[in-house]
């Protein structure tokens, strides 16, 4: 399954790393337009299970360029997700719109 992340929601816990401060994500499934939410940890597991996750590149005026979301374990042992283009880590997750509180 392929999903596109559309919003990020802050965690209730403070974190030094801004990516670790994201508590969960809202997403849309490409083929069906089904929508849902995943915690950062659930998204990590989803990616590790062989599914594809991406965000749209905000620099693309047509919204067609996909930026792949990857999974990793932090030095503190936390499940994390991040984006990368051509092997370079980017902060595209931080560019997602915030959830309404």
N, C-alpha and C. Protein backbone atom coordinates (compact mmCIF):
# COMPACT_ATOMS: atom_id res chain seq x y z
N UNK A 1 0.85 -1.17 0.00
CA UNK A 1 0.00 0.00 0.00
C UNK A 1 0.89 1.24 0.00
N UNK A 2 0.42 2.29 -0.64
CA UNK A 2 1.14 3.56 -0.69
C UNK A 2 0.27 4.64 -0.07
N UNK A 3 0.85 5.37 0.88
CA UNK A 3 0.11 6.47 1.49
C UNK A 3 0.93 7.76 1.40
N UNK A 4 0.21 8.87 1.41
CA UNK A 4 0.82 10.20 1.40
C UNK A 4 0.50 10.88 2.72
N UNK A 5 1.51 11.38 3.40
CA UNK A 5 1.30 12.12 4.64
C UNK A 5 0.80 13.52 4.30
N UNK A 6 -0.23 13.97 5.03
CA UNK A 6 -0.83 15.27 4.72
C UNK A 6 -0.78 16.26 5.88
N UNK A 7 -0.66 15.78 7.12
CA UNK A 7 -0.58 16.66 8.29
C UNK A 7 0.27 16.01 9.36
N UNK A 8 0.85 16.86 10.22
CA UNK A 8 1.59 16.37 11.39
C UNK A 8 0.93 16.94 12.64
N UNK A 9 1.00 16.17 13.72
CA UNK A 9 0.40 16.60 14.97
C UNK A 9 1.44 16.46 16.08
N UNK A 10 1.57 17.51 16.87
CA UNK A 10 2.59 17.53 17.92
C UNK A 10 2.28 16.51 19.01
N UNK A 11 3.34 15.99 19.57
CA UNK A 11 3.24 15.08 20.71
C UNK A 11 3.02 15.90 21.97
N UNK A 12 2.48 15.28 22.97
CA UNK A 12 2.30 15.98 24.25
C UNK A 12 3.61 16.04 25.03
N UNK A 13 4.63 15.30 24.58
CA UNK A 13 5.92 15.29 25.25
C UNK A 13 6.90 16.20 24.52
N UNK A 14 7.66 16.95 25.28
CA UNK A 14 8.69 17.82 24.70
C UNK A 14 9.84 16.95 24.20
N UNK A 15 10.47 17.41 23.11
CA UNK A 15 11.60 16.66 22.55
C UNK A 15 12.61 17.65 21.97
N UNK A 16 13.89 17.34 22.13
CA UNK A 16 14.94 18.19 21.59
C UNK A 16 14.95 18.12 20.06
N UNK A 17 14.67 16.95 19.51
CA UNK A 17 14.63 16.75 18.06
C UNK A 17 13.23 17.10 17.56
N UNK A 18 13.09 18.04 16.63
CA UNK A 18 11.76 18.42 16.17
C UNK A 18 10.99 17.28 15.51
N UNK A 19 11.70 16.34 14.87
CA UNK A 19 11.00 15.19 14.28
C UNK A 19 10.44 14.28 15.36
N UNK A 20 11.15 14.16 16.48
CA UNK A 20 10.67 13.33 17.60
C UNK A 20 9.49 13.98 18.30
N UNK A 21 9.30 15.28 18.11
CA UNK A 21 8.18 15.99 18.73
C UNK A 21 6.87 15.76 17.98
N UNK A 22 6.94 15.13 16.80
CA UNK A 22 5.71 14.81 16.06
C UNK A 22 5.11 13.55 16.67
N UNK A 23 3.89 13.67 17.15
CA UNK A 23 3.22 12.54 17.79
C UNK A 23 2.54 11.60 16.82
N UNK A 24 1.82 12.17 15.84
CA UNK A 24 1.18 11.34 14.83
C UNK A 24 0.97 12.12 13.54
N UNK A 25 0.61 11.37 12.50
CA UNK A 25 0.44 11.91 11.16
C UNK A 25 -0.93 11.54 10.62
N UNK A 26 -1.51 12.44 9.85
CA UNK A 26 -2.70 12.13 9.07
C UNK A 26 -2.23 11.75 7.67
N UNK A 27 -2.89 10.76 7.06
CA UNK A 27 -2.47 10.27 5.76
C UNK A 27 -3.66 9.97 4.86
N UNK A 28 -3.36 9.84 3.57
CA UNK A 28 -4.35 9.48 2.55
C UNK A 28 -3.77 8.34 1.72
N UNK A 29 -4.56 7.29 1.49
CA UNK A 29 -4.13 6.17 0.65
C UNK A 29 -4.38 6.55 -0.81
N UNK A 30 -3.38 6.35 -1.66
CA UNK A 30 -3.43 6.82 -3.04
C UNK A 30 -4.60 6.29 -3.87
N UNK A 31 -4.78 5.00 -3.88
CA UNK A 31 -5.75 4.41 -4.80
C UNK A 31 -7.20 4.60 -4.37
N UNK A 32 -7.46 4.61 -3.07
CA UNK A 32 -8.85 4.62 -2.60
C UNK A 32 -9.28 5.94 -1.98
N UNK A 33 -8.33 6.82 -1.70
CA UNK A 33 -8.58 8.08 -0.99
C UNK A 33 -9.01 7.84 0.46
N UNK A 34 -8.77 6.60 0.96
CA UNK A 34 -9.04 6.29 2.37
C UNK A 34 -8.11 7.12 3.23
N UNK A 35 -8.60 7.62 4.36
CA UNK A 35 -7.80 8.48 5.23
C UNK A 35 -7.68 7.87 6.62
N UNK A 36 -6.56 8.18 7.28
CA UNK A 36 -6.36 7.66 8.62
C UNK A 36 -5.25 8.41 9.34
N UNK A 37 -4.91 7.92 10.51
CA UNK A 37 -3.81 8.48 11.29
C UNK A 37 -2.92 7.35 11.78
N UNK A 38 -1.65 7.65 11.90
CA UNK A 38 -0.66 6.75 12.49
C UNK A 38 0.19 7.54 13.47
N UNK A 39 0.53 6.91 14.59
CA UNK A 39 1.54 7.49 15.45
C UNK A 39 2.88 7.35 14.72
N UNK A 40 3.88 8.04 15.21
CA UNK A 40 5.21 7.93 14.61
C UNK A 40 5.69 6.47 14.64
N UNK A 41 5.44 5.79 15.74
CA UNK A 41 5.86 4.40 15.88
C UNK A 41 5.10 3.49 14.93
N UNK A 42 3.79 3.72 14.77
CA UNK A 42 2.99 2.91 13.84
C UNK A 42 3.45 3.14 12.40
N UNK A 43 3.79 4.38 12.08
CA UNK A 43 4.27 4.69 10.73
C UNK A 43 5.59 3.99 10.47
N UNK A 44 6.47 3.98 11.45
CA UNK A 44 7.74 3.25 11.35
C UNK A 44 7.47 1.78 11.02
N UNK A 45 6.57 1.13 11.78
CA UNK A 45 6.25 -0.28 11.56
C UNK A 45 5.63 -0.49 10.18
N UNK A 46 4.77 0.43 9.74
CA UNK A 46 4.13 0.35 8.43
C UNK A 46 5.18 0.36 7.33
N UNK A 47 6.16 1.24 7.43
CA UNK A 47 7.24 1.32 6.45
C UNK A 47 8.09 0.05 6.49
N UNK A 48 8.44 -0.40 7.68
CA UNK A 48 9.28 -1.60 7.82
C UNK A 48 8.58 -2.85 7.32
N UNK A 49 7.23 -2.81 7.22
CA UNK A 49 6.46 -3.95 6.71
C UNK A 49 6.43 -3.97 5.18
N UNK A 50 7.14 -3.03 4.55
CA UNK A 50 7.24 -3.03 3.09
C UNK A 50 6.31 -2.07 2.38
N UNK A 51 5.61 -1.23 3.12
CA UNK A 51 4.71 -0.26 2.51
C UNK A 51 5.47 1.01 2.16
N UNK A 52 4.91 1.79 1.23
CA UNK A 52 5.55 3.02 0.79
C UNK A 52 4.82 4.22 1.37
N UNK A 53 5.60 5.19 1.84
CA UNK A 53 5.07 6.43 2.41
C UNK A 53 5.83 7.58 1.79
N UNK A 54 5.09 8.65 1.45
CA UNK A 54 5.76 9.81 0.86
C UNK A 54 5.04 11.09 1.27
N UNK A 55 5.71 12.20 1.02
CA UNK A 55 5.11 13.53 1.12
C UNK A 55 5.35 14.20 -0.23
N UNK A 56 4.57 15.21 -0.51
CA UNK A 56 4.79 15.98 -1.74
C UNK A 56 5.88 17.01 -1.47
N UNK A 57 6.73 17.21 -2.47
CA UNK A 57 7.82 18.19 -2.36
C UNK A 57 7.22 19.59 -2.46
N UNK A 58 7.35 20.40 -1.39
CA UNK A 58 6.78 21.74 -1.44
C UNK A 58 7.44 22.66 -2.47
N UNK A 59 8.62 22.29 -2.95
CA UNK A 59 9.31 23.09 -3.96
C UNK A 59 8.75 22.85 -5.36
N UNK A 60 7.95 21.79 -5.52
CA UNK A 60 7.35 21.48 -6.82
C UNK A 60 6.04 22.24 -6.97
N UNK A 61 5.96 23.21 -7.86
CA UNK A 61 4.74 24.01 -7.99
C UNK A 61 3.54 23.21 -8.46
N UNK A 62 3.77 22.02 -9.04
CA UNK A 62 2.67 21.21 -9.54
C UNK A 62 2.27 20.10 -8.56
N UNK A 63 3.04 19.93 -7.47
CA UNK A 63 2.72 18.93 -6.46
C UNK A 63 2.85 17.50 -6.93
N UNK A 64 3.68 17.25 -7.92
CA UNK A 64 3.82 15.90 -8.48
C UNK A 64 5.04 15.15 -7.92
N UNK A 65 6.03 15.88 -7.40
CA UNK A 65 7.26 15.24 -6.93
C UNK A 65 7.04 14.61 -5.56
N UNK A 66 7.35 13.34 -5.47
CA UNK A 66 7.22 12.60 -4.21
C UNK A 66 8.56 12.58 -3.49
N UNK A 67 8.51 12.74 -2.18
CA UNK A 67 9.68 12.63 -1.33
C UNK A 67 9.43 11.43 -0.41
N UNK A 68 10.28 10.43 -0.52
CA UNK A 68 10.09 9.19 0.22
C UNK A 68 10.32 9.39 1.72
N UNK A 69 9.47 8.75 2.51
CA UNK A 69 9.62 8.74 3.97
C UNK A 69 10.29 7.43 4.34
N UNK A 70 11.35 7.51 5.12
CA UNK A 70 12.14 6.35 5.53
C UNK A 70 12.01 6.13 7.04
N UNK A 71 12.32 4.94 7.48
CA UNK A 71 12.25 4.59 8.90
C UNK A 71 13.65 4.31 9.44
N UNK A 72 13.89 4.72 10.68
CA UNK A 72 15.17 4.48 11.34
C UNK A 72 14.95 4.45 12.84
N UNK A 73 15.95 3.95 13.54
CA UNK A 73 15.93 3.97 15.00
C UNK A 73 16.94 5.02 15.46
N UNK A 74 16.52 5.91 16.35
CA UNK A 74 17.39 6.98 16.81
C UNK A 74 18.48 6.43 17.73
N UNK A 75 19.44 7.28 18.06
CA UNK A 75 20.50 6.87 18.98
C UNK A 75 19.93 6.57 20.36
N UNK A 76 18.76 7.12 20.68
CA UNK A 76 18.10 6.86 21.96
C UNK A 76 17.22 5.61 21.90
N UNK A 77 17.18 4.95 20.73
CA UNK A 77 16.41 3.72 20.58
C UNK A 77 14.95 3.94 20.22
N UNK A 78 14.57 5.17 19.82
CA UNK A 78 13.19 5.44 19.45
C UNK A 78 12.97 5.19 17.97
N UNK A 79 11.77 4.71 17.62
CA UNK A 79 11.39 4.54 16.24
C UNK A 79 11.13 5.92 15.65
N UNK A 80 11.79 6.22 14.53
CA UNK A 80 11.68 7.53 13.90
C UNK A 80 11.40 7.39 12.42
N UNK A 81 10.89 8.46 11.82
CA UNK A 81 10.71 8.54 10.38
C UNK A 81 11.31 9.86 9.91
N UNK A 82 11.79 9.87 8.67
CA UNK A 82 12.39 11.07 8.11
C UNK A 82 12.27 11.00 6.59
N UNK A 83 12.56 12.10 5.92
CA UNK A 83 12.52 12.12 4.46
C UNK A 83 13.93 12.26 3.91
N UNK A 84 14.09 11.79 2.67
CA UNK A 84 15.40 11.91 2.01
C UNK A 84 15.19 12.04 0.52
N UNK A 85 15.99 12.89 -0.10
CA UNK A 85 16.01 13.04 -1.55
C UNK A 85 17.44 12.76 -1.99
N UNK A 86 17.60 11.79 -2.91
CA UNK A 86 18.93 11.44 -3.42
C UNK A 86 19.93 11.17 -2.30
N UNK A 87 19.47 10.49 -1.27
CA UNK A 87 20.34 10.12 -0.16
C UNK A 87 20.59 11.22 0.85
N UNK A 88 20.07 12.42 0.60
CA UNK A 88 20.26 13.54 1.53
C UNK A 88 19.02 13.67 2.41
N UNK A 89 19.22 13.63 3.72
CA UNK A 89 18.10 13.79 4.64
C UNK A 89 17.54 15.21 4.53
N UNK A 90 16.22 15.31 4.51
CA UNK A 90 15.55 16.60 4.41
C UNK A 90 14.56 16.75 5.56
N UNK A 91 13.98 17.92 5.71
CA UNK A 91 13.01 18.14 6.79
C UNK A 91 11.59 18.32 6.25
N UNK A 92 11.26 17.62 5.19
CA UNK A 92 9.94 17.76 4.58
C UNK A 92 8.80 17.41 5.53
N UNK A 93 9.04 16.56 6.51
CA UNK A 93 7.99 16.25 7.48
C UNK A 93 7.64 17.49 8.30
N UNK A 94 8.65 18.32 8.58
CA UNK A 94 8.41 19.53 9.35
C UNK A 94 7.63 20.57 8.54
N UNK A 95 7.65 20.44 7.22
CA UNK A 95 6.91 21.35 6.36
C UNK A 95 5.43 20.98 6.21
N UNK A 96 5.03 19.81 6.70
CA UNK A 96 3.61 19.45 6.64
C UNK A 96 2.78 20.41 7.46
N UNK A 97 1.54 20.68 7.05
CA UNK A 97 0.68 21.52 7.88
C UNK A 97 0.43 20.86 9.24
N UNK A 98 0.23 21.69 10.24
CA UNK A 98 -0.06 21.20 11.58
C UNK A 98 -1.54 20.84 11.71
N UNK A 99 -1.83 19.89 12.59
CA UNK A 99 -3.21 19.53 12.91
C UNK A 99 -3.87 20.69 13.66
N UNK A 100 -5.15 20.80 13.49
CA UNK A 100 -5.89 21.78 14.28
C UNK A 100 -6.03 21.24 15.69
N UNK A 101 -5.74 22.06 16.65
CA UNK A 101 -5.80 21.61 18.05
C UNK A 101 -7.17 21.81 18.63
